[in-house]
């Protein structure tokens, strides 16, 4: 998993509340177990018409937001079913951080496991960042995980809280497999000792 330390990127405004995982990636695209290739279908039903043409008014279809790496969203982002395909689709599109006043618990935890930083901020802070994101590609936000701050393009800075263990994993690029591999020496030692103690197993 890619390390997350400091991100300077374009932020897209998505003020809708209760954006659920089916809106993020509709169930018809859940047939794959691959983490790649889902970005093209991110927000599919809002992004394309029935003929598969882009809907020009949708924020991620607008030229200034095609390289979006940060999403500023409405309350209760990621609610609904617990599908891990939702963070897969966000990450595959290029989004590395989502900012909201609240997230659904399972989605929130799945983000960390897939290299995405979900940030919870008070409504007042999200309002400022939402307005800043409306400026388009000329305005770039800074997400600093080490110092746990988000800065607007005008330099207004907001602190956020993050679990120390989740922070450690993101900053070191550790998913569940990576965490296990950190203990590979201890695992090998245990297996060797177990084989000597119980050679019949």
Protein backbone atom coordinates (compact mmCIF):
# COMPACT_ATOMS: atom_id res chain seq x y z
CA UNK A 1 0.00 0.00 0.00
CA UNK A 2 1.25 3.48 -0.86
CA UNK A 3 2.44 5.60 2.06
CA UNK A 4 0.33 8.62 2.97
CA UNK A 5 2.24 11.51 4.52
CA UNK A 6 1.33 14.86 2.98
CA UNK A 7 -1.06 15.49 0.12
CA UNK A 8 -1.41 18.68 -1.88
CA UNK A 9 -4.21 18.32 -4.37
CA UNK A 10 -7.39 19.48 -6.05
CA UNK A 11 -10.50 19.12 -3.91
CA UNK A 12 -13.96 18.56 -5.35
CA UNK A 13 -17.10 19.76 -3.54
CA UNK A 14 -19.87 17.19 -3.05
CA UNK A 15 -22.29 18.69 -0.52
CA UNK A 16 -24.90 15.92 -0.70
CA UNK A 17 -25.65 14.25 2.64
CA UNK A 18 -26.06 10.49 3.12
CA UNK A 19 -24.02 9.48 0.08
CA UNK A 20 -24.23 5.71 0.44
CA UNK A 21 -21.97 3.00 -0.89
CA UNK A 22 -24.41 2.13 -3.68
CA UNK A 23 -24.12 5.70 -4.93
CA UNK A 24 -20.33 5.46 -4.69
CA UNK A 25 -20.21 2.19 -6.63
CA UNK A 26 -23.53 0.59 -7.73
CA UNK A 27 -24.07 -3.09 -6.94
CA UNK A 28 -23.90 -4.09 -10.61
CA UNK A 29 -20.12 -3.51 -10.48
CA UNK A 30 -19.48 -5.73 -7.45
CA UNK A 31 -18.70 -8.84 -9.48
CA UNK A 32 -14.94 -8.29 -9.34
CA UNK A 33 -12.55 -9.01 -6.48
CA UNK A 34 -9.84 -6.84 -8.04
CA UNK A 35 -9.11 -3.45 -6.47
CA UNK A 36 -8.33 -1.87 -9.83
CA UNK A 37 -10.63 -0.84 -12.67
CA UNK A 38 -13.52 0.47 -10.58
CA UNK A 39 -12.63 4.16 -10.83
CA UNK A 40 -14.38 4.53 -14.17
CA UNK A 41 -17.65 3.53 -12.48
CA UNK A 42 -17.26 5.71 -9.40
CA UNK A 43 -20.60 7.52 -8.79
CA UNK A 44 -21.77 5.82 -11.98
CA UNK A 45 -25.47 6.67 -11.73
CA UNK A 46 -24.75 10.35 -11.06
CA UNK A 47 -21.88 10.54 -13.51
CA UNK A 48 -23.39 8.99 -16.65
CA UNK A 49 -26.77 9.01 -18.38
CA UNK A 50 -28.54 5.81 -19.47
CA UNK A 51 -26.61 5.75 -22.73
CA UNK A 52 -23.26 5.91 -20.91
CA UNK A 53 -22.56 9.54 -21.77
CA UNK A 54 -21.07 11.82 -19.16
CA UNK A 55 -23.46 14.18 -17.41
CA UNK A 56 -21.68 17.55 -17.77
CA UNK A 57 -23.07 19.02 -14.55
CA UNK A 58 -21.68 16.27 -12.32
CA UNK A 59 -18.70 17.63 -10.45
CA UNK A 60 -16.13 14.96 -11.37
CA UNK A 61 -17.00 15.34 -15.07
CA UNK A 62 -16.08 19.02 -15.04
CA UNK A 63 -12.62 19.75 -16.47
CA UNK A 64 -11.32 21.44 -13.32
CA UNK A 65 -12.09 18.39 -11.18
CA UNK A 66 -10.91 15.51 -13.35
CA UNK A 67 -7.68 15.26 -11.36
CA UNK A 68 -9.40 15.42 -7.97
CA UNK A 69 -7.52 13.80 -5.08
CA UNK A 70 -9.60 15.19 -2.20
CA UNK A 71 -13.36 15.02 -1.79
CA UNK A 72 -15.21 17.44 0.50
CA UNK A 73 -18.53 15.76 1.20
CA UNK A 74 -21.78 16.15 3.10
CA UNK A 75 -22.65 14.45 6.38
CA UNK A 76 -22.79 10.66 6.84
CA UNK A 77 -20.61 9.78 3.86
CA UNK A 78 -20.31 6.07 3.03
CA UNK A 79 -23.50 4.91 4.73
CA UNK A 80 -25.44 1.88 3.49
CA UNK A 81 -23.99 -1.57 2.81
CA UNK A 82 -20.49 -2.47 3.95
CA UNK A 83 -19.01 -3.08 0.48
CA UNK A 84 -15.25 -2.59 0.36
CA UNK A 85 -15.59 -1.85 -3.35
CA UNK A 86 -16.54 1.72 -2.38
CA UNK A 87 -13.06 2.74 -1.18
CA UNK A 88 -11.57 0.65 -4.00
CA UNK A 89 -13.45 2.78 -6.53
CA UNK A 90 -12.48 6.05 -4.85
CA UNK A 91 -8.81 5.05 -4.71
CA UNK A 92 -8.77 3.79 -8.29
CA UNK A 93 -10.20 7.12 -9.47
CA UNK A 94 -7.37 8.90 -7.64
CA UNK A 95 -9.09 10.15 -4.49
CA UNK A 96 -6.78 9.84 -1.48
CA UNK A 97 -8.74 11.71 1.18
CA UNK A 98 -12.39 12.40 1.96
CA UNK A 99 -13.44 15.19 4.32
CA UNK A 100 -16.85 15.20 6.00
CA UNK A 101 -18.58 15.87 9.30
CA UNK A 102 -19.20 12.12 9.75
CA UNK A 103 -18.74 8.74 8.10
CA UNK A 104 -20.40 5.36 8.40
CA UNK A 105 -18.19 3.24 10.67
CA UNK A 106 -17.48 0.34 8.31
CA UNK A 107 -16.72 2.62 5.38
CA UNK A 108 -14.48 4.76 7.61
CA UNK A 109 -12.41 1.74 8.66
CA UNK A 110 -12.29 0.33 5.13
CA UNK A 111 -10.78 3.60 3.92
CA UNK A 112 -7.74 3.20 6.16
CA UNK A 113 -7.27 -0.39 5.01
CA UNK A 114 -7.14 0.82 1.41
CA UNK A 115 -4.86 3.83 1.72
CA UNK A 116 -7.53 6.55 1.92
CA UNK A 117 -7.57 9.09 4.74
CA UNK A 118 -11.10 9.95 5.93
CA UNK A 119 -11.12 13.18 7.93
CA UNK A 120 -13.87 14.23 10.33
CA UNK A 121 -14.18 17.97 10.91
CA UNK A 122 -16.82 20.24 12.47
CA UNK A 123 -19.51 21.62 10.15
CA UNK A 124 -17.98 25.10 10.26
CA UNK A 125 -14.65 23.80 8.98
CA UNK A 126 -16.27 21.65 6.28
CA UNK A 127 -18.25 24.69 5.13
CA UNK A 128 -15.03 26.68 4.67
CA UNK A 129 -13.34 23.84 2.79
CA UNK A 130 -16.44 23.20 0.66
CA UNK A 131 -16.42 26.82 -0.46
CA UNK A 132 -12.68 26.61 -1.11
CA UNK A 133 -13.17 23.46 -3.21
CA UNK A 134 -15.69 25.33 -5.38
CA UNK A 135 -12.80 27.41 -6.74
CA UNK A 136 -11.72 24.48 -8.90
CA UNK A 137 -8.23 23.43 -9.97
CA UNK A 138 -6.68 26.80 -9.09
CA UNK A 139 -7.26 26.07 -5.40
CA UNK A 140 -5.26 23.24 -3.87
CA UNK A 141 -5.73 21.96 -0.34
CA UNK A 142 -3.03 20.47 1.84
CA UNK A 143 -3.72 17.39 3.93
CA UNK A 144 -0.87 16.83 6.39
CA UNK A 145 -1.28 13.50 8.16
CA UNK A 146 1.84 13.80 10.30
CA UNK A 147 0.67 17.10 11.81
CA UNK A 148 -3.03 16.17 11.49
CA UNK A 149 -4.11 19.34 9.71
CA UNK A 150 -6.05 20.33 6.60
CA UNK A 151 -5.24 23.69 5.02
CA UNK A 152 -7.34 25.57 2.50
CA UNK A 153 -5.82 27.21 -0.57
CA UNK A 154 -5.79 30.46 1.37
CA UNK A 155 -3.87 28.95 4.28
CA UNK A 156 -6.69 28.54 6.78
CA UNK A 157 -5.79 25.45 8.80
CA UNK A 158 -8.01 22.98 10.65
CA UNK A 159 -6.73 20.23 13.00
CA UNK A 160 -8.26 16.76 12.93
CA UNK A 161 -8.11 13.67 15.13
CA UNK A 162 -7.00 10.25 13.94
CA UNK A 163 -6.40 6.97 15.74
CA UNK A 164 -2.62 6.60 16.33
CA UNK A 165 -2.54 3.02 15.04
CA UNK A 166 -4.45 3.90 11.86
CA UNK A 167 -2.13 6.87 11.38
CA UNK A 168 0.92 4.62 11.75
CA UNK A 169 -0.45 2.20 9.17
CA UNK A 170 -1.21 4.92 6.61
CA UNK A 171 2.09 6.72 7.05
CA UNK A 172 3.99 3.46 6.62
CA UNK A 173 1.84 2.05 3.84
CA UNK A 174 0.70 -0.94 5.89
CA UNK A 175 -2.50 -2.81 5.09
CA UNK A 176 -3.49 -6.02 6.91
CA UNK A 177 -1.04 -8.09 4.87
CA UNK A 178 1.75 -5.56 5.45
CA UNK A 179 1.13 -5.68 9.19
CA UNK A 180 1.44 -9.47 9.13
CA UNK A 181 4.66 -9.31 7.13
CA UNK A 182 6.17 -7.04 9.79
CA UNK A 183 5.99 -10.07 12.09
CA UNK A 184 7.36 -12.58 9.60
CA UNK A 185 10.55 -13.23 11.61
CA UNK A 186 8.54 -13.98 14.75
CA UNK A 187 6.14 -16.18 12.78
CA UNK A 188 9.02 -18.15 11.22
CA UNK A 189 10.63 -18.58 14.65
CA UNK A 190 7.37 -19.85 16.13
CA UNK A 191 6.85 -22.31 13.29
CA UNK A 192 10.40 -23.64 13.65
CA UNK A 193 10.02 -24.13 17.41
CA UNK A 194 6.62 -25.76 16.95
CA UNK A 195 8.04 -28.18 14.36
CA UNK A 196 10.83 -29.19 16.76
CA UNK A 197 8.48 -29.60 19.72
CA UNK A 198 5.84 -31.54 17.74
CA UNK A 199 7.57 -33.20 14.77
CA UNK A 200 4.62 -35.52 14.30
CA UNK A 201 2.28 -32.65 13.38
